[in-house]
Amino acid sequence: MLWMEQGLYLRVEELPGGPRPLPLLSGFSLTTAYRALGCINPSETSDAYFILSNDRDEVWFICNRHLRTVVMRHDCTAFRLPLSSLDERFVIGELPVLPLRLSD
């Protein structure tokens, strides 16, 4: 199944010993958010592979286990965004948490 997303940006957090290809050896960096061009889920595995354009403008299929979500940007069509240009709370996942209130 092939899926196309509009505006999802992902960052690389390479899983040691994870599935190939390893993103950091394939032209990706830790300081960039990459636009998901699509996603495919081969039937022979439970992993999904995102279609991303690396820093050398090559198109790669990278396993979801190496990736973390950054932001949804429907107003942007760039293949890559510097993480430094994004709100840090979104990049490292430290959004404020609302207290949970249970009814009596």
C-alpha atoms as a PDB file:
ATOM      1  CA  MET A   1       0.000   0.000   0.000  1.00  0.00           C
ATOM      2  CA  LEU A   2       1.324   3.434  -0.924  1.00  0.00           C
ATOM      3  CA  TRP A   3       0.213   6.488   0.992  1.00  0.00           C
ATOM      4  CA  MET A   4       0.908  10.147   0.213  1.00  0.00           C
ATOM      5  CA  GLU A   5       0.991  12.749   2.983  1.00  0.00           C
ATOM      6  CA  GLN A   6       0.674  16.496   2.724  1.00  0.00           C
ATOM      7  CA  GLY A   7       2.936  18.450   5.062  1.00  0.00           C
ATOM      8  CA  LEU A   8       4.311  15.851   7.507  1.00  0.00           C
ATOM      9  CA  TYR A   9       7.931  16.561   8.493  1.00  0.00           C
ATOM     10  CA  LEU A  10      10.142  13.958  10.170  1.00  0.00           C
ATOM     11  CA  ARG A  11      13.558  14.020  11.814  1.00  0.00           C
ATOM     12  CA  VAL A  12      16.176  11.285  11.895  1.00  0.00           C
ATOM     13  CA  GLU A  13      16.898   9.441  15.133  1.00  0.00           C
ATOM     14  CA  GLU A  14      18.829   6.474  13.843  1.00  0.00           C
ATOM     15  CA  LEU A  15      18.168   3.217  15.677  1.00  0.00           C
ATOM     16  CA  PRO A  16      21.506   1.499  16.406  1.00  0.00           C
ATOM     17  CA  GLY A  17      21.604  -1.764  14.488  1.00  0.00           C
ATOM     18  CA  GLY A  18      18.276  -0.877  12.907  1.00  0.00           C
ATOM     19  CA  PRO A  19      17.019  -1.844   9.474  1.00  0.00           C
ATOM     20  CA  ARG A  20      18.919  -0.802   6.376  1.00  0.00           C
ATOM     21  CA  PRO A  21      19.452   1.658   4.871  1.00  0.00           C
ATOM     22  CA  LEU A  22      20.862   3.606   7.809  1.00  0.00           C
ATOM     23  CA  PRO A  23      19.842   7.242   7.272  1.00  0.00           C
ATOM     24  CA  LEU A  24      23.015   8.860   8.628  1.00  0.00           C
ATOM     25  CA  LEU A  25      25.072   6.826   6.124  1.00  0.00           C
ATOM     26  CA  SER A  26      22.661   7.685   3.309  1.00  0.00           C
ATOM     27  CA  GLY A  27      22.845  11.472   3.101  1.00  0.00           C
ATOM     28  CA  PHE A  28      20.518  12.458   5.948  1.00  0.00           C
ATOM     29  CA  SER A  29      21.455  14.594   8.964  1.00  0.00           C
ATOM     30  CA  LEU A  30      20.333  15.080  12.558  1.00  0.00           C
ATOM     31  CA  THR A  31      19.763  18.820  12.074  1.00  0.00           C
ATOM     32  CA  THR A  32      17.119  18.666   9.356  1.00  0.00           C
ATOM     33  CA  ALA A  33      13.396  17.936   9.183  1.00  0.00           C
ATOM     34  CA  TYR A  34      12.453  15.990   6.037  1.00  0.00           C
ATOM     35  CA  ARG A  35       9.104  16.208   4.289  1.00  0.00           C
ATOM     36  CA  ALA A  36       7.412  12.816   3.970  1.00  0.00           C
ATOM     37  CA  LEU A  37       6.702  12.413   0.264  1.00  0.00           C
ATOM     38  CA  GLY A  38       4.857   9.178   0.877  1.00  0.00           C
ATOM     39  CA  CYS A  39       4.875   5.957   2.830  1.00  0.00           C
ATOM     40  CA  ILE A  40       4.788   2.300   1.852  1.00  0.00           C
ATOM     41  CA  ASN A  41       4.079  -0.733   3.998  1.00  0.00           C
ATOM     42  CA  PRO A  42       5.381  -3.909   2.355  1.00  0.00           C
ATOM     43  CA  SER A  43       3.236  -6.931   3.164  1.00  0.00           C
ATOM     44  CA  GLU A  44       6.234  -9.010   4.283  1.00  0.00           C
ATOM     45  CA  THR A  45       7.092  -6.714   7.214  1.00  0.00           C
ATOM     46  CA  SER A  46       5.344  -4.784   9.968  1.00  0.00           C
ATOM     47  CA  ASP A  47       7.587  -1.772   9.283  1.00  0.00           C
ATOM     48  CA  ALA A  48       6.575   1.197   7.181  1.00  0.00           C
ATOM     49  CA  TYR A  49       9.053   2.956   4.884  1.00  0.00           C
ATOM     50  CA  PHE A  50       8.794   6.707   4.399  1.00  0.00           C
ATOM     51  CA  ILE A  51       9.815   8.231   1.099  1.00  0.00           C
ATOM     52  CA  LEU A  52      12.194  11.129   1.813  1.00  0.00           C
ATOM     53  CA  SER A  53      14.569  13.326  -0.190  1.00  0.00           C
ATOM     54  CA  ASN A  54      18.010  13.474   1.467  1.00  0.00           C
ATOM     55  CA  ASP A  55      20.503  16.355   1.574  1.00  0.00           C
ATOM     56  CA  ARG A  56      21.913  15.235  -1.814  1.00  0.00           C
ATOM     57  CA  ASP A  57      18.435  15.380  -3.441  1.00  0.00           C
ATOM     58  CA  GLU A  58      18.298  11.571  -3.661  1.00  0.00           C
ATOM     59  CA  VAL A  59      15.017   9.800  -2.934  1.00  0.00           C
ATOM     60  CA  TRP A  60      15.228   7.057  -0.286  1.00  0.00           C
ATOM     61  CA  PHE A  61      12.863   4.678   1.500  1.00  0.00           C
ATOM     62  CA  ILE A  62      13.688   4.967   5.227  1.00  0.00           C
ATOM     63  CA  CYS A  63      12.213   2.680   7.895  1.00  0.00           C
ATOM     64  CA  ASN A  64       9.833   4.318  10.355  1.00  0.00           C
ATOM     65  CA  ARG A  65      11.942   3.029  13.264  1.00  0.00           C
ATOM     66  CA  HIS A  66      14.651   5.597  12.366  1.00  0.00           C
ATOM     67  CA  LEU A  67      12.240   8.555  12.264  1.00  0.00           C
ATOM     68  CA  ARG A  68      10.388  10.828  14.671  1.00  0.00           C
ATOM     69  CA  THR A  69       7.603  13.281  13.870  1.00  0.00           C
ATOM     70  CA  VAL A  70       8.361  16.993  13.938  1.00  0.00           C
ATOM     71  CA  VAL A  71       5.475  19.046  12.614  1.00  0.00           C
ATOM     72  CA  MET A  72       2.624  19.229  10.107  1.00  0.00           C
ATOM     73  CA  ARG A  73       3.137  22.158   7.720  1.00  0.00           C
ATOM     74  CA  HIS A  74       0.421  22.446   5.095  1.00  0.00           C
ATOM     75  CA  ASP A  75       1.709  25.911   4.168  1.00  0.00           C
ATOM     76  CA  CYS A  76       5.151  24.649   3.105  1.00  0.00           C
ATOM     77  CA  THR A  77       6.342  22.485   0.202  1.00  0.00           C
ATOM     78  CA  ALA A  78      10.096  22.431   0.914  1.00  0.00           C
ATOM     79  CA  PHE A  79      11.710  18.988   0.906  1.00  0.00           C
ATOM     80  CA  ARG A  80      13.799  19.904   3.941  1.00  0.00           C
ATOM     81  CA  LEU A  81      13.644  22.412   6.827  1.00  0.00           C
ATOM     82  CA  PRO A  82      16.414  23.185   9.315  1.00  0.00           C
ATOM     83  CA  LEU A  83      15.293  22.037  12.755  1.00  0.00           C
ATOM     84  CA  SER A  84      16.708  25.311  14.109  1.00  0.00           C
ATOM     85  CA  SER A  85      13.997  27.207  12.191  1.00  0.00           C
ATOM     86  CA  LEU A  86      11.203  25.355  14.003  1.00  0.00           C
ATOM     87  CA  ASP A  87       9.848  25.912  17.491  1.00  0.00           C
ATOM     88  CA  GLU A  88      12.062  23.780  19.751  1.00  0.00           C
ATOM     89  CA  ARG A  89       9.075  22.507  21.752  1.00  0.00           C
ATOM     90  CA  PHE A  90       7.800  20.753  18.624  1.00  0.00           C
ATOM     91  CA  VAL A  91      11.201  19.276  17.729  1.00  0.00           C
ATOM     92  CA  ILE A  92      11.955  17.642  21.077  1.00  0.00           C
ATOM     93  CA  GLY A  93       8.372  16.875  22.049  1.00  0.00           C
ATOM     94  CA  GLU A  94       8.179  19.116  25.117  1.00  0.00           C
ATOM     95  CA  LEU A  95       4.770  20.656  24.653  1.00  0.00           C
ATOM     96  CA  PRO A  96       3.017  21.755  27.828  1.00  0.00           C
ATOM     97  CA  VAL A  97       0.969  18.994  29.402  1.00  0.00           C
ATOM     98  CA  LEU A  98      -2.503  19.830  30.627  1.00  0.00           C
ATOM     99  CA  PRO A  99      -3.392  18.411  34.033  1.00  0.00           C
ATOM    100  CA  LEU A 100      -5.742  15.472  33.940  1.00  0.00           C
ATOM    101  CA  ARG A 101      -8.918  16.091  35.915  1.00  0.00           C
ATOM    102  CA  LEU A 102     -11.145  13.181  36.727  1.00  0.00           C
ATOM    103  CA  SER A 103     -14.747  13.849  37.636  1.00  0.00           C
ATOM    104  CA  ASP A 104     -15.933  12.905  41.126  1.00  0.00           C
END
